[in-house]
């Protein structure tokens, strides 16, 4: 039957038409329709990207949320044992919740000032001075790390994976082993934290990093204004 070929040709024409219109004027409904066309063509990566762009313009929309959820369900990945071990040993955010680290920092900061005040009033209490030193160091490390992470992530552009691609532990397909057992799925959203000679380092939502080819992702550019 020629129906599948005709349907595909119609969808490709729709993609071209929506893309042309969006080049003239930004519109959330056009973004949504473009995402639907990509989804029907089986291009889940670009469909997820256009749904995300439409969401920034349209806000809460039940149909948009439902369609996007169907694509996002297949974009999650599980860590290998090695990546979990690396995350636990080398990066505290893979072990402790951010909120807990925040409260540890706040508590240690409060303890620092209380101990400092006690040590100033009772200069012979060396214990309080050591307590102030230790709590101050922990507060600086935890709160400083949270602040730096927030600052860096806020400036890292958000991208969407548009093709099935294997994440690597470094920017070389032959020299570095995969970061995870399974490849990155189209529609996965991440932050782009580094670029290097055709490769990009992505930071996933849970704090893990992985490298992949730069042509496998596309930036989720901020849209201009609500139409």
Protein backbone atom coordinates (compact mmCIF):
# COMPACT_ATOMS: atom_id res chain seq x y z
CA UNK A 1 0.00 0.00 0.00
CA UNK A 2 1.14 3.54 -0.71
CA UNK A 3 -0.61 4.96 2.37
CA UNK A 4 2.41 4.82 4.73
CA UNK A 5 4.63 6.54 2.15
CA UNK A 6 1.99 9.17 1.47
CA UNK A 7 1.49 9.78 5.19
CA UNK A 8 5.21 10.16 5.73
CA UNK A 9 5.49 12.58 2.83
CA UNK A 10 2.60 14.62 4.26
CA UNK A 11 4.24 14.71 7.69
CA UNK A 12 7.57 15.78 6.20
CA UNK A 13 5.78 18.58 4.37
CA UNK A 14 4.12 19.58 7.64
CA UNK A 15 7.51 19.70 9.37
CA UNK A 16 8.89 21.90 6.60
CA UNK A 17 5.86 24.18 6.77
CA UNK A 18 5.91 24.58 10.55
CA UNK A 19 9.66 25.21 10.48
CA UNK A 20 9.24 27.94 7.88
CA UNK A 21 6.48 29.64 9.89
CA UNK A 22 8.54 29.45 13.09
CA UNK A 23 11.40 31.13 11.29
CA UNK A 24 9.13 34.16 10.88
CA UNK A 25 7.39 34.19 14.24
CA UNK A 26 7.68 32.21 17.47
CA UNK A 27 4.46 30.46 18.49
CA UNK A 28 3.79 27.83 21.12
CA UNK A 29 1.03 26.08 19.19
CA UNK A 30 3.23 25.78 16.12
CA UNK A 31 5.97 24.29 18.31
CA UNK A 32 3.47 21.80 19.68
CA UNK A 33 2.27 20.81 16.20
CA UNK A 34 5.85 20.47 15.01
CA UNK A 35 6.51 18.16 17.95
CA UNK A 36 3.47 16.07 17.02
CA UNK A 37 4.70 15.76 13.44
CA UNK A 38 8.14 14.65 14.59
CA UNK A 39 6.56 12.13 16.98
CA UNK A 40 4.46 10.62 14.20
CA UNK A 41 7.59 10.37 12.06
CA UNK A 42 9.28 8.43 14.86
CA UNK A 43 11.86 11.18 15.58
CA UNK A 44 11.33 11.17 19.34
CA UNK A 45 14.39 13.28 20.09
CA UNK A 46 13.27 16.28 18.04
CA UNK A 47 9.67 15.74 19.14
CA UNK A 48 10.72 15.99 22.79
CA UNK A 49 12.76 19.09 21.99
CA UNK A 50 9.82 20.85 20.35
CA UNK A 51 7.45 19.86 23.18
CA UNK A 52 9.88 21.40 25.66
CA UNK A 53 10.07 24.59 23.62
CA UNK A 54 6.28 24.70 23.35
CA UNK A 55 5.96 24.26 27.12
CA UNK A 56 8.00 27.41 27.67
CA UNK A 57 5.49 29.38 25.63
CA UNK A 58 2.21 27.70 26.51
CA UNK A 59 2.84 26.81 30.14
CA UNK A 60 0.38 24.24 31.54
CA UNK A 61 -1.38 22.38 28.73
CA UNK A 62 -2.89 18.94 29.28
CA UNK A 63 -2.48 17.64 25.74
CA UNK A 64 1.09 18.88 25.54
CA UNK A 65 1.95 17.38 28.93
CA UNK A 66 0.43 14.02 27.98
CA UNK A 67 2.29 13.79 24.68
CA UNK A 68 5.58 14.88 26.24
CA UNK A 69 5.19 12.36 29.08
CA UNK A 70 4.92 9.49 26.61
CA UNK A 71 8.26 10.44 25.09
CA UNK A 72 10.00 11.27 28.38
CA UNK A 73 9.12 7.86 29.82
CA UNK A 74 11.65 6.22 27.54
CA UNK A 75 14.43 8.75 28.13
CA UNK A 76 15.51 7.63 31.60
CA UNK A 77 18.74 5.67 32.02
CA UNK A 78 20.11 3.55 34.84
CA UNK A 79 23.65 3.82 36.11
CA UNK A 80 26.09 0.95 35.84
CA UNK A 81 27.69 -0.35 39.04
CA UNK A 82 30.95 1.38 38.11
CA UNK A 83 29.27 4.75 37.61
CA UNK A 84 27.43 4.39 40.93
CA UNK A 85 30.70 3.58 42.66
CA UNK A 86 32.43 6.57 41.06
CA UNK A 87 29.56 8.83 42.00
CA UNK A 88 29.62 7.66 45.64
CA UNK A 89 33.41 7.87 45.95
CA UNK A 90 34.12 11.05 44.03
CA UNK A 91 31.01 13.18 44.10
CA UNK A 92 28.95 13.72 47.25
CA UNK A 93 25.85 14.81 45.35
CA UNK A 94 25.42 11.29 44.12
CA UNK A 95 25.08 10.12 47.74
CA UNK A 96 23.35 12.82 49.75
CA UNK A 97 20.22 14.76 48.81
CA UNK A 98 20.82 18.43 48.06
CA UNK A 99 18.39 19.49 50.79
CA UNK A 100 20.28 17.45 53.40
CA UNK A 101 23.60 18.97 52.33
CA UNK A 102 22.03 22.41 52.58
CA UNK A 103 20.87 21.79 56.15
CA UNK A 104 24.26 20.37 57.11
CA UNK A 105 25.87 23.55 55.82
CA UNK A 106 23.40 25.81 57.65
CA UNK A 107 23.78 23.85 60.91
CA UNK A 108 27.57 23.96 60.69
CA UNK A 109 27.50 27.67 59.92
CA UNK A 110 25.35 28.29 63.02
CA UNK A 111 27.65 26.09 65.09
CA UNK A 112 30.65 28.02 63.79
CA UNK A 113 29.35 31.36 65.00
CA UNK A 114 28.17 29.98 68.35
CA UNK A 115 31.51 28.28 68.96
CA UNK A 116 33.39 31.38 67.91
CA UNK A 117 31.39 33.50 70.33
CA UNK A 118 31.90 30.99 73.14
CA UNK A 119 35.61 30.79 72.45
CA UNK A 120 35.87 34.60 72.52
CA UNK A 121 34.14 34.79 75.90
CA UNK A 122 36.00 31.82 77.39
CA UNK A 123 39.45 31.94 75.85
CA UNK A 124 40.62 28.85 77.75
CA UNK A 125 38.07 26.62 76.10
CA UNK A 126 40.22 25.27 73.31
CA UNK A 127 37.51 22.75 72.43
CA UNK A 128 35.22 25.56 71.25
CA UNK A 129 37.91 26.95 69.01
CA UNK A 130 38.48 23.56 67.38
CA UNK A 131 34.73 23.15 67.03
CA UNK A 132 34.50 26.53 65.32
CA UNK A 133 37.31 25.61 62.95
CA UNK A 134 35.79 22.24 62.00
CA UNK A 135 32.22 23.50 61.63
CA UNK A 136 33.38 26.52 59.65
CA UNK A 137 35.31 24.32 57.24
CA UNK A 138 32.33 22.00 56.69
CA UNK A 139 29.97 24.95 56.21
CA UNK A 140 32.29 26.53 53.66
CA UNK A 141 32.69 23.27 51.74
CA UNK A 142 28.99 22.35 51.62
CA UNK A 143 27.46 25.79 51.05
CA UNK A 144 30.27 26.81 48.71
CA UNK A 145 29.82 23.65 46.67
CA UNK A 146 26.06 24.18 46.44
CA UNK A 147 26.53 27.78 45.40
CA UNK A 148 29.09 26.92 42.75
CA UNK A 149 26.94 24.09 41.38
CA UNK A 150 23.90 26.36 41.16
CA UNK A 151 25.92 29.12 39.48
CA UNK A 152 27.45 26.74 36.96
CA UNK A 153 24.22 24.96 36.10
CA UNK A 154 22.38 28.25 35.65
CA UNK A 155 24.89 29.23 32.97
CA UNK A 156 25.09 25.85 31.24
CA UNK A 157 22.72 25.67 28.26
CA UNK A 158 20.03 22.99 28.37
CA UNK A 159 20.11 20.46 25.55
CA UNK A 160 18.00 17.54 24.38
CA UNK A 161 19.36 14.27 23.01
CA UNK A 162 17.91 13.83 19.52
CA UNK A 163 19.48 10.49 18.48
CA UNK A 164 20.22 7.19 20.19
CA UNK A 165 23.86 7.60 21.22
CA UNK A 166 26.24 5.97 23.68
CA UNK A 167 27.51 8.16 26.49
CA UNK A 168 31.23 7.85 27.18
CA UNK A 169 33.45 8.56 30.19
CA UNK A 170 35.59 10.84 28.05
CA UNK A 171 35.66 12.62 24.68
CA UNK A 172 36.89 9.69 22.60
CA UNK A 173 34.92 6.70 21.33
CA UNK A 174 37.92 4.37 21.28
CA UNK A 175 39.76 5.47 24.42
CA UNK A 176 36.86 5.67 26.89
CA UNK A 177 34.35 3.04 27.92
CA UNK A 178 30.59 3.70 28.09
CA UNK A 179 29.23 5.62 31.06
CA UNK A 180 26.12 3.43 31.26
CA UNK A 181 24.97 -0.03 30.20
CA UNK A 182 22.43 1.40 27.76
CA UNK A 183 22.73 4.33 25.33
CA UNK A 184 21.23 7.75 25.91
CA UNK A 185 17.66 7.83 24.65
CA UNK A 186 16.20 10.52 22.39
CA UNK A 187 14.36 13.12 24.45
CA UNK A 188 16.74 13.00 27.43
CA UNK A 189 17.37 16.53 28.74
CA UNK A 190 20.69 17.61 30.23
CA UNK A 191 23.00 20.57 30.76
CA UNK A 192 25.93 21.15 28.41
CA UNK A 193 28.92 21.92 30.65
CA UNK A 194 31.86 21.50 28.25
CA UNK A 195 32.63 21.29 24.52
CA UNK A 196 35.73 19.71 23.04
CA UNK A 197 36.52 18.93 19.37
CA UNK A 198 33.19 17.46 18.29
CA UNK A 199 32.26 16.17 21.74
CA UNK A 200 30.14 17.60 24.55
CA UNK A 201 30.04 16.80 28.26
CA UNK A 202 26.49 16.55 29.56
CA UNK A 203 25.35 16.82 33.16
CA UNK A 204 22.23 14.76 33.82
CA UNK A 205 19.48 15.77 36.22
CA UNK A 206 20.89 13.56 39.00
CA UNK A 207 24.37 15.12 38.79
CA UNK A 208 26.13 12.46 36.70
CA UNK A 209 28.26 13.50 33.74
CA UNK A 210 28.75 11.78 30.39
CA UNK A 211 30.35 12.63 27.05
CA UNK A 212 28.74 12.25 23.64
CA UNK A 213 29.04 13.52 20.08
CA UNK A 214 27.94 17.12 19.63
CA UNK A 215 25.68 16.24 16.69
CA UNK A 216 23.59 13.96 18.92
CA UNK A 217 22.20 16.87 20.95
CA UNK A 218 20.43 20.10 20.16
CA UNK A 219 20.15 23.17 22.36
CA UNK A 220 16.86 24.03 24.00
CA UNK A 221 17.15 27.71 23.15
CA UNK A 222 15.13 30.21 25.18
CA UNK A 223 12.11 31.37 23.22
CA UNK A 224 11.45 35.04 22.73
CA UNK A 225 7.95 35.93 23.86
CA UNK A 226 4.43 34.53 24.15
CA UNK A 227 2.48 34.93 20.92
